[in-house]
């Protein structure tokens, strides 16, 4: 079971993980929780759009780009809020 992914040296604990390959390229879909305290850091990271992706539990590493991104809440600046994020990353060729 995958419990963590790393995007550009930022560790993210995942609640859901799905891995696929398409034409030899990896695609992962993850679900994770973001607290109001981490919201700014995570959204700033996600705005980068392309990442060094590592999945330690699978021994997987690739360069990936966001294909789809959604959240259950749009304003996590209010204290003690938690949002559910879903992120789909597709491998890009170097």
PDB file of N, CA and C in Angstrom:
ATOM      1  N   UNK A   1       0.839  -1.184   0.000  1.00  0.00           N
ATOM      2  CA  UNK A   1       0.000   0.000   0.000  1.00  0.00           C
ATOM      3  C   UNK A   1       0.886   1.251   0.000  1.00  0.00           C
ATOM      4  N   UNK A   2       0.553   2.192  -0.839  1.00  0.00           N
ATOM      5  CA  UNK A   2       1.303   3.438  -0.935  1.00  0.00           C
ATOM      6  C   UNK A   2       0.776   4.415   0.109  1.00  0.00           C
ATOM      7  N   UNK A   3       1.691   4.938   0.927  1.00  0.00           N
ATOM      8  CA  UNK A   3       1.321   5.882   1.973  1.00  0.00           C
ATOM      9  C   UNK A   3       1.885   7.272   1.749  1.00  0.00           C
ATOM     10  N   UNK A   4       2.839   7.397   0.805  1.00  0.00           N
ATOM     11  CA  UNK A   4       3.508   8.676   0.618  1.00  0.00           C
ATOM     12  C   UNK A   4       3.959   8.830  -0.823  1.00  0.00           C
ATOM     13  N   UNK A   5       3.861  10.056  -1.327  1.00  0.00           N
ATOM     14  CA  UNK A   5       4.546  10.408  -2.562  1.00  0.00           C
ATOM     15  C   UNK A   5       5.372  11.653  -2.264  1.00  0.00           C
ATOM     16  N   UNK A   6       6.358  11.879  -3.099  1.00  0.00           N
ATOM     17  CA  UNK A   6       7.214  13.045  -2.934  1.00  0.00           C
ATOM     18  C   UNK A   6       7.189  13.829  -4.235  1.00  0.00           C
ATOM     19  N   UNK A   7       6.806  15.106  -4.124  1.00  0.00           N
ATOM     20  CA  UNK A   7       6.803  16.009  -5.271  1.00  0.00           C
ATOM     21  C   UNK A   7       7.859  17.073  -5.020  1.00  0.00           C
ATOM     22  N   UNK A   8       8.887  17.098  -5.867  1.00  0.00           N
ATOM     23  CA  UNK A   8       9.964  18.095  -5.720  1.00  0.00           C
ATOM     24  C   UNK A   8      10.449  18.204  -4.280  1.00  0.00           C
ATOM     25  N   UNK A   9      10.732  17.090  -3.659  1.00  0.00           N
ATOM     26  CA  UNK A   9      11.254  17.017  -2.284  1.00  0.00           C
ATOM     27  C   UNK A   9      10.234  17.352  -1.201  1.00  0.00           C
ATOM     28  N   UNK A  10       8.955  17.486  -1.542  1.00  0.00           N
ATOM     29  CA  UNK A  10       7.902  17.697  -0.545  1.00  0.00           C
ATOM     30  C   UNK A  10       7.134  16.396  -0.373  1.00  0.00           C
ATOM     31  N   UNK A  11       7.138  15.870   0.832  1.00  0.00           N
ATOM     32  CA  UNK A  11       6.452  14.621   1.142  1.00  0.00           C
ATOM     33  C   UNK A  11       4.967  14.886   1.368  1.00  0.00           C
ATOM     34  N   UNK A  12       4.134  14.038   0.748  1.00  0.00           N
ATOM     35  CA  UNK A  12       2.681  14.145   0.892  1.00  0.00           C
ATOM     36  C   UNK A  12       2.147  12.778   1.304  1.00  0.00           C
ATOM     37  N   UNK A  13       1.450  12.742   2.436  1.00  0.00           N
ATOM     38  CA  UNK A  13       0.803  11.507   2.893  1.00  0.00           C
ATOM     39  C   UNK A  13      -0.465  11.311   2.063  1.00  0.00           C
ATOM     40  N   UNK A  14      -0.619  10.143   1.455  1.00  0.00           N
ATOM     41  CA  UNK A  14      -1.775   9.903   0.598  1.00  0.00           C
ATOM     42  C   UNK A  14      -2.768   8.953   1.258  1.00  0.00           C
ATOM     43  N   UNK A  15      -4.044   9.218   0.995  1.00  0.00           N
ATOM     44  CA  UNK A  15      -5.129   8.363   1.482  1.00  0.00           C
ATOM     45  C   UNK A  15      -5.555   7.360   0.424  1.00  0.00           C
ATOM     46  N   UNK A  16      -5.431   7.764  -0.846  1.00  0.00           N
ATOM     47  CA  UNK A  16      -5.808   6.916  -1.978  1.00  0.00           C
ATOM     48  C   UNK A  16      -4.715   7.001  -3.032  1.00  0.00           C
ATOM     49  N   UNK A  17      -4.444   5.862  -3.668  1.00  0.00           N
ATOM     50  CA  UNK A  17      -3.408   5.814  -4.695  1.00  0.00           C
ATOM     51  C   UNK A  17      -3.833   4.834  -5.777  1.00  0.00           C
ATOM     52  N   UNK A  18      -3.741   5.282  -7.013  1.00  0.00           N
ATOM     53  CA  UNK A  18      -4.009   4.414  -8.155  1.00  0.00           C
ATOM     54  C   UNK A  18      -2.910   4.664  -9.177  1.00  0.00           C
ATOM     55  N   UNK A  19      -2.388   3.585  -9.733  1.00  0.00           N
ATOM     56  CA  UNK A  19      -1.288   3.686 -10.693  1.00  0.00           C
ATOM     57  C   UNK A  19      -1.676   2.992 -11.986  1.00  0.00           C
ATOM     58  N   UNK A  20      -1.396   3.658 -13.100  1.00  0.00           N
ATOM     59  CA  UNK A  20      -1.671   3.095 -14.425  1.00  0.00           C
ATOM     60  C   UNK A  20      -0.477   3.381 -15.324  1.00  0.00           C
ATOM     61  N   UNK A  21      -0.409   2.669 -16.433  1.00  0.00           N
ATOM     62  CA  UNK A  21       0.548   3.013 -17.484  1.00  0.00           C
ATOM     63  C   UNK A  21      -0.215   3.113 -18.794  1.00  0.00           C
ATOM     64  N   UNK A  22       0.208   4.060 -19.610  1.00  0.00           N
ATOM     65  CA  UNK A  22      -0.422   4.283 -20.901  1.00  0.00           C
ATOM     66  C   UNK A  22       0.690   4.602 -21.890  1.00  0.00           C
ATOM     67  N   UNK A  23       0.826   3.751 -22.902  1.00  0.00           N
ATOM     68  CA  UNK A  23       1.910   3.911 -23.887  1.00  0.00           C
ATOM     69  C   UNK A  23       3.280   3.981 -23.220  1.00  0.00           C
ATOM     70  N   UNK A  24       3.448   3.208 -22.148  1.00  0.00           N
ATOM     71  CA  UNK A  24       4.723   3.144 -21.448  1.00  0.00           C
ATOM     72  C   UNK A  24       4.975   4.282 -20.481  1.00  0.00           C
ATOM     73  N   UNK A  25       4.010   5.189 -20.325  1.00  0.00           N
ATOM     74  CA  UNK A  25       4.160   6.323 -19.412  1.00  0.00           C
ATOM     75  C   UNK A  25       3.297   6.105 -18.169  1.00  0.00           C
ATOM     76  N   UNK A  26       3.849   6.465 -17.022  1.00  0.00           N
ATOM     77  CA  UNK A  26       3.133   6.300 -15.764  1.00  0.00           C
ATOM     78  C   UNK A  26       2.094   7.397 -15.575  1.00  0.00           C
ATOM     79  N   UNK A  27       0.997   7.020 -14.957  1.00  0.00           N
ATOM     80  CA  UNK A  27      -0.037   7.953 -14.548  1.00  0.00           C
ATOM     81  C   UNK A  27      -0.457   7.542 -13.149  1.00  0.00           C
ATOM     82  N   UNK A  28      -0.410   8.485 -12.210  1.00  0.00           N
ATOM     83  CA  UNK A  28      -0.875   8.159 -10.865  1.00  0.00           C
ATOM     84  C   UNK A  28      -1.975   9.133 -10.479  1.00  0.00           C
ATOM     85  N   UNK A  29      -2.915   8.610  -9.716  1.00  0.00           N
ATOM     86  CA  UNK A  29      -4.016   9.413  -9.186  1.00  0.00           C
ATOM     87  C   UNK A  29      -3.965   9.237  -7.677  1.00  0.00           C
ATOM     88  N   UNK A  30      -3.911  10.364  -6.965  1.00  0.00           N
ATOM     89  CA  UNK A  30      -3.818  10.305  -5.514  1.00  0.00           C
ATOM     90  C   UNK A  30      -4.901  11.153  -4.877  1.00  0.00           C
ATOM     91  N   UNK A  31      -5.257  10.764  -3.677  1.00  0.00           N
ATOM     92  CA  UNK A  31      -6.146  11.555  -2.838  1.00  0.00           C
ATOM     93  C   UNK A  31      -5.428  11.813  -1.532  1.00  0.00           C
ATOM     94  N   UNK A  32      -5.509  13.042  -1.042  1.00  0.00           N
ATOM     95  CA  UNK A  32      -4.832  13.380   0.205  1.00  0.00           C
ATOM     96  C   UNK A  32      -5.546  14.541   0.878  1.00  0.00           C
ATOM     97  N   UNK A  33      -5.317  14.685   2.162  1.00  0.00           N
ATOM     98  CA  UNK A  33      -5.937  15.743   2.939  1.00  0.00           C
ATOM     99  C   UNK A  33      -4.955  16.897   3.106  1.00  0.00           C
ATOM    100  N   UNK A  34      -5.504  18.114   3.073  1.00  0.00           N
ATOM    101  CA  UNK A  34      -4.701  19.315   3.288  1.00  0.00           C
ATOM    102  C   UNK A  34      -5.377  20.134   4.375  1.00  0.00           C
ATOM    103  N   UNK A  35      -4.607  20.481   5.401  1.00  0.00           N
ATOM    104  CA  UNK A  35      -5.129  21.310   6.481  1.00  0.00           C
ATOM    105  C   UNK A  35      -4.949  22.784   6.132  1.00  0.00           C
ATOM    106  N   UNK A  36      -5.678  23.630   6.830  1.00  0.00           N
ATOM    107  CA  UNK A  36      -5.551  25.072   6.601  1.00  0.00           C
ATOM    108  C   UNK A  36      -4.121  25.535   6.853  1.00  0.00           C
ATOM    109  N   UNK A  37      -3.408  24.873   7.752  1.00  0.00           N
ATOM    110  CA  UNK A  37      -2.023  25.243   8.053  1.00  0.00           C
ATOM    111  C   UNK A  37      -1.076  24.939   6.889  1.00  0.00           C
ATOM    112  N   UNK A  38      -1.375  23.927   6.101  1.00  0.00           N
ATOM    113  CA  UNK A  38      -0.508  23.511   4.985  1.00  0.00           C
ATOM    114  C   UNK A  38      -1.011  23.989   3.619  1.00  0.00           C
ATOM    115  N   UNK A  39      -2.186  24.591   3.591  1.00  0.00           N
ATOM    116  CA  UNK A  39      -2.831  24.965   2.337  1.00  0.00           C
ATOM    117  C   UNK A  39      -1.936  25.813   1.436  1.00  0.00           C
ATOM    118  N   UNK A  40      -1.373  26.867   1.962  1.00  0.00           N
ATOM    119  CA  UNK A  40      -0.549  27.764   1.148  1.00  0.00           C
ATOM    120  C   UNK A  40       0.652  27.022   0.560  1.00  0.00           C
ATOM    121  N   UNK A  41       1.340  26.239   1.383  1.00  0.00           N
ATOM    122  CA  UNK A  41       2.522  25.504   0.908  1.00  0.00           C
ATOM    123  C   UNK A  41       2.161  24.508  -0.193  1.00  0.00           C
ATOM    124  N   UNK A  42       1.071  23.771  -0.011  1.00  0.00           N
ATOM    125  CA  UNK A  42       0.681  22.749  -0.995  1.00  0.00           C
ATOM    126  C   UNK A  42       0.213  23.400  -2.291  1.00  0.00           C
ATOM    127  N   UNK A  43      -0.623  24.423  -2.208  1.00  0.00           N
ATOM    128  CA  UNK A  43      -1.104  25.039  -3.444  1.00  0.00           C
ATOM    129  C   UNK A  43       0.025  25.751  -4.192  1.00  0.00           C
ATOM    130  N   UNK A  44       0.944  26.351  -3.474  1.00  0.00           N
ATOM    131  CA  UNK A  44       2.110  26.967  -4.116  1.00  0.00           C
ATOM    132  C   UNK A  44       2.923  25.903  -4.851  1.00  0.00           C
ATOM    133  N   UNK A  45       3.110  24.758  -4.220  1.00  0.00           N
ATOM    134  CA  UNK A  45       3.813  23.645  -4.863  1.00  0.00           C
ATOM    135  C   UNK A  45       3.065  23.188  -6.115  1.00  0.00           C
ATOM    136  N   UNK A  46       1.760  23.012  -6.021  1.00  0.00           N
ATOM    137  CA  UNK A  46       0.988  22.503  -7.151  1.00  0.00           C
ATOM    138  C   UNK A  46       0.982  23.464  -8.334  1.00  0.00           C
ATOM    139  N   UNK A  47       1.096  24.753  -8.075  1.00  0.00           N
ATOM    140  CA  UNK A  47       1.143  25.730  -9.170  1.00  0.00           C
ATOM    141  C   UNK A  47       2.396  25.574 -10.029  1.00  0.00           C
ATOM    142  N   UNK A  48       3.403  24.857  -9.537  1.00  0.00           N
ATOM    143  CA  UNK A  48       4.591  24.595 -10.358  1.00  0.00           C
ATOM    144  C   UNK A  48       4.236  23.755 -11.580  1.00  0.00           C
ATOM    145  N   UNK A  49       3.253  22.862 -11.441  1.00  0.00           N
ATOM    146  CA  UNK A  49       2.711  22.122 -12.577  1.00  0.00           C
ATOM    147  C   UNK A  49       3.470  20.888 -13.021  1.00  0.00           C
ATOM    148  N   UNK A  50       4.799  20.920 -12.978  1.00  0.00           N
ATOM    149  CA  UNK A  50       5.631  19.781 -13.384  1.00  0.00           C
ATOM    150  C   UNK A  50       6.566  19.462 -12.221  1.00  0.00           C
ATOM    151  N   UNK A  51       6.731  18.161 -11.939  1.00  0.00           N
ATOM    152  CA  UNK A  51       7.424  17.755 -10.723  1.00  0.00           C
ATOM    153  C   UNK A  51       8.359  16.565 -10.945  1.00  0.00           C
ATOM    154  N   UNK A  52       9.330  16.450 -10.068  1.00  0.00           N
ATOM    155  CA  UNK A  52      10.044  15.196  -9.883  1.00  0.00           C
ATOM    156  C   UNK A  52       9.158  14.401  -8.932  1.00  0.00           C
ATOM    157  N   UNK A  53       8.616  13.297  -9.415  1.00  0.00           N
ATOM    158  CA  UNK A  53       7.675  12.487  -8.650  1.00  0.00           C
ATOM    159  C   UNK A  53       8.392  11.231  -8.163  1.00  0.00           C
ATOM    160  N   UNK A  54       8.264  10.946  -6.875  1.00  0.00           N
ATOM    161  CA  UNK A  54       8.805   9.718  -6.301  1.00  0.00           C
ATOM    162  C   UNK A  54       7.712   9.031  -5.503  1.00  0.00           C
ATOM    163  N   UNK A  55       7.644   7.716  -5.684  1.00  0.00           N
ATOM    164  CA  UNK A  55       6.711   6.897  -4.919  1.00  0.00           C
ATOM    165  C   UNK A  55       7.567   5.832  -4.230  1.00  0.00           C
ATOM    166  N   UNK A  56       8.092   6.153  -3.030  1.00  0.00           N
ATOM    167  CA  UNK A  56       9.039   5.255  -2.367  1.00  0.00           C
ATOM    168  C   UNK A  56       8.525   3.829  -2.163  1.00  0.00           C
ATOM    169  N   UNK A  57       7.251   3.682  -1.819  1.00  0.00           N
ATOM    170  CA  UNK A  57       6.699   2.346  -1.568  1.00  0.00           C
ATOM    171  C   UNK A  57       6.674   1.467  -2.818  1.00  0.00           C
ATOM    172  N   UNK A  58       6.760   2.086  -3.997  1.00  0.00           N
ATOM    173  CA  UNK A  58       6.742   1.339  -5.254  1.00  0.00           C
ATOM    174  C   UNK A  58       8.091   1.364  -5.965  1.00  0.00           C
ATOM    175  N   UNK A  59       9.063   2.120  -5.419  1.00  0.00           N
ATOM    176  CA  UNK A  59      10.352   2.250  -6.085  1.00  0.00           C
ATOM    177  C   UNK A  59      10.216   2.970  -7.420  1.00  0.00           C
ATOM    178  N   UNK A  60       9.282   3.875  -7.509  1.00  0.00           N
ATOM    179  CA  UNK A  60       8.948   4.556  -8.753  1.00  0.00           C
ATOM    180  C   UNK A  60       9.406   6.011  -8.702  1.00  0.00           C
ATOM    181  N   UNK A  61      10.013   6.470  -9.774  1.00  0.00           N
ATOM    182  CA  UNK A  61      10.421   7.874  -9.887  1.00  0.00           C
ATOM    183  C   UNK A  61      10.292   8.285 -11.348  1.00  0.00           C
ATOM    184  N   UNK A  62       9.709   9.463 -11.576  1.00  0.00           N
ATOM    185  CA  UNK A  62       9.567   9.977 -12.934  1.00  0.00           C
ATOM    186  C   UNK A  62       9.303  11.477 -12.884  1.00  0.00           C
ATOM    187  N   UNK A  63       9.408  12.118 -14.015  1.00  0.00           N
ATOM    188  CA  UNK A  63       9.053  13.530 -14.161  1.00  0.00           C
ATOM    189  C   UNK A  63       7.584  13.551 -14.567  1.00  0.00           C
ATOM    190  N   UNK A  64       6.749  14.264 -13.808  1.00  0.00           N
ATOM    191  CA  UNK A  64       5.310  14.233 -14.058  1.00  0.00           C
ATOM    192  C   UNK A  64       4.685  15.602 -14.117  1.00  0.00           C
ATOM    193  N   UNK A  65       3.575  15.672 -14.831  1.00  0.00           N
ATOM    194  CA  UNK A  65       2.826  16.911 -15.024  1.00  0.00           C
ATOM    195  C   UNK A  65       1.395  16.705 -14.546  1.00  0.00           C
ATOM    196  N   UNK A  66       0.810  17.740 -13.959  1.00  0.00           N
ATOM    197  CA  UNK A  66      -0.576  17.659 -13.506  1.00  0.00           C
ATOM    198  C   UNK A  66      -1.497  17.503 -14.711  1.00  0.00           C
ATOM    199  N   UNK A  67      -2.357  16.495 -14.660  1.00  0.00           N
ATOM    200  CA  UNK A  67      -3.385  16.298 -15.670  1.00  0.00           C
ATOM    201  C   UNK A  67      -4.732  16.792 -15.167  1.00  0.00           C
ATOM    202  N   UNK A  68      -4.966  16.585 -13.869  1.00  0.00           N
ATOM    203  CA  UNK A  68      -6.230  16.992 -13.271  1.00  0.00           C
ATOM    204  C   UNK A  68      -5.999  17.241 -11.789  1.00  0.00           C
ATOM    205  N   UNK A  69      -6.729  18.212 -11.248  1.00  0.00           N
ATOM    206  CA  UNK A  69      -6.557  18.594  -9.855  1.00  0.00           C
ATOM    207  C   UNK A  69      -7.887  19.128  -9.348  1.00  0.00           C
ATOM    208  N   UNK A  70      -8.305  18.678  -8.180  1.00  0.00           N
ATOM    209  CA  UNK A  70      -9.543  19.196  -7.597  1.00  0.00           C
ATOM    210  C   UNK A  70      -9.443  19.172  -6.078  1.00  0.00           C
ATOM    211  N   UNK A  71     -10.299  19.959  -5.460  1.00  0.00           N
ATOM    212  CA  UNK A  71     -10.356  20.017  -4.007  1.00  0.00           C
ATOM    213  C   UNK A  71     -11.809  20.134  -3.561  1.00  0.00           C
ATOM    214  N   UNK A  72     -12.075  19.647  -2.369  1.00  0.00           N
ATOM    215  CA  UNK A  72     -13.434  19.670  -1.838  1.00  0.00           C
ATOM    216  C   UNK A  72     -13.792  21.014  -1.215  1.00  0.00           C
ATOM    217  N   UNK A  73     -12.801  21.870  -1.041  1.00  0.00           N
ATOM    218  CA  UNK A  73     -13.034  23.145  -0.375  1.00  0.00           C
ATOM    219  C   UNK A  73     -12.159  24.201  -1.041  1.00  0.00           C
ATOM    220  N   UNK A  74     -12.689  25.383  -1.214  1.00  0.00           N
ATOM    221  CA  UNK A  74     -11.939  26.407  -1.938  1.00  0.00           C
ATOM    222  C   UNK A  74     -11.264  27.426  -1.037  1.00  0.00           C
ATOM    223  N   UNK A  75     -11.633  27.492   0.225  1.00  0.00           N
ATOM    224  CA  UNK A  75     -11.005  28.460   1.110  1.00  0.00           C
ATOM    225  C   UNK A  75     -10.493  27.788   2.370  1.00  0.00           C
ATOM    226  N   UNK A  76      -9.264  27.320   2.289  1.00  0.00           N
ATOM    227  CA  UNK A  76      -8.652  26.691   3.463  1.00  0.00           C
ATOM    228  C   UNK A  76      -7.861  27.703   4.289  1.00  0.00           C
ATOM    229  N   UNK A  77      -8.086  28.978   4.036  1.00  0.00           N
ATOM    230  CA  UNK A  77      -7.421  29.987   4.860  1.00  0.00           C
ATOM    231  C   UNK A  77      -8.100  30.134   6.223  1.00  0.00           C
ATOM    232  N   UNK A  78      -9.311  29.619   6.359  1.00  0.00           N
ATOM    233  CA  UNK A  78      -9.972  29.618   7.661  1.00  0.00           C
ATOM    234  C   UNK A  78      -9.341  28.543   8.534  1.00  0.00           C
ATOM    235  N   UNK A  79      -9.035  28.877   9.770  1.00  0.00           N
ATOM    236  CA  UNK A  79      -8.360  27.942  10.681  1.00  0.00           C
ATOM    237  C   UNK A  79      -9.158  26.656  10.893  1.00  0.00           C
ATOM    238  N   UNK A  80      -8.398  25.585  11.103  1.00  0.00           N
ATOM    239  CA  UNK A  80      -8.914  24.258  11.449  1.00  0.00           C
ATOM    240  C   UNK A  80      -9.808  23.642  10.387  1.00  0.00           C
ATOM    241  N   UNK A  81      -9.610  24.013   9.135  1.00  0.00           N
ATOM    242  CA  UNK A  81     -10.326  23.413   8.019  1.00  0.00           C
ATOM    243  C   UNK A  81      -9.454  22.312   7.406  1.00  0.00           C
ATOM    244  N   UNK A  82     -10.088  21.319   6.811  1.00  0.00           N
ATOM    245  CA  UNK A  82      -9.379  20.252   6.114  1.00  0.00           C
ATOM    246  C   UNK A  82     -10.075  20.014   4.785  1.00  0.00           C
ATOM    247  N   UNK A  83      -9.290  19.997   3.722  1.00  0.00           N
ATOM    248  CA  UNK A  83      -9.839  19.749   2.396  1.00  0.00           C
ATOM    249  C   UNK A  83      -9.326  18.438   1.829  1.00  0.00           C
ATOM    250  N   UNK A  84     -10.154  17.800   1.018  1.00  0.00           N
ATOM    251  CA  UNK A  84      -9.761  16.587   0.307  1.00  0.00           C
ATOM    252  C   UNK A  84      -9.301  16.996  -1.092  1.00  0.00           C
ATOM    253  N   UNK A  85      -8.049  16.690  -1.400  1.00  0.00           N
ATOM    254  CA  UNK A  85      -7.482  17.013  -2.703  1.00  0.00           C
ATOM    255  C   UNK A  85      -7.363  15.735  -3.526  1.00  0.00           C
ATOM    256  N   UNK A  86      -7.602  15.846  -4.825  1.00  0.00           N
ATOM    257  CA  UNK A  86      -7.375  14.755  -5.765  1.00  0.00           C
ATOM    258  C   UNK A  86      -6.455  15.291  -6.850  1.00  0.00           C
ATOM    259  N   UNK A  87      -5.444  14.502  -7.172  1.00  0.00           N
ATOM    260  CA  UNK A  87      -4.422  14.942  -8.113  1.00  0.00           C
ATOM    261  C   UNK A  87      -4.070  13.795  -9.044  1.00  0.00           C
ATOM    262  N   UNK A  88      -4.062  14.087 -10.334  1.00  0.00           N
ATOM    263  CA  UNK A  88      -3.650  13.116 -11.335  1.00  0.00           C
ATOM    264  C   UNK A  88      -2.367  13.640 -11.981  1.00  0.00           C
ATOM    265  N   UNK A  89      -1.330  12.815 -11.963  1.00  0.00           N
ATOM    266  CA  UNK A  89      -0.033  13.175 -12.533  1.00  0.00           C
ATOM    267  C   UNK A  89       0.321  12.196 -13.635  1.00  0.00           C
ATOM    268  N   UNK A  90       0.762  12.735 -14.766  1.00  0.00           N
ATOM    269  CA  UNK A  90       1.163  11.905 -15.906  1.00  0.00           C
ATOM    270  C   UNK A  90       2.634  12.139 -16.189  1.00  0.00           C
ATOM    271  N   UNK A  91       3.333  11.050 -16.433  1.00  0.00           N
ATOM    272  CA  UNK A  91       4.747  11.117 -16.759  1.00  0.00           C
ATOM    273  C   UNK A  91       4.963  11.879 -18.065  1.00  0.00           C
ATOM    274  N   UNK A  92       5.975  12.718 -18.086  1.00  0.00           N
ATOM    275  CA  UNK A  92       6.362  13.422 -19.310  1.00  0.00           C
ATOM    276  C   UNK A  92       7.754  12.957 -19.706  1.00  0.00           C
ATOM    277  N   UNK A  93       7.966  12.881 -21.003  1.00  0.00           N
ATOM    278  CA  UNK A  93       9.282  12.482 -21.479  1.00  0.00           C
ATOM    279  C   UNK A  93      10.219  13.668 -21.354  1.00  0.00           C
ATOM    280  N   UNK A  94      11.455  13.371 -20.967  1.00  0.00           N
ATOM    281  CA  UNK A  94      12.460  14.439 -20.804  1.00  0.00           C
ATOM    282  C   UNK A  94      12.940  14.949 -22.132  1.00  0.00           C
TER     283      UNK A  94
END
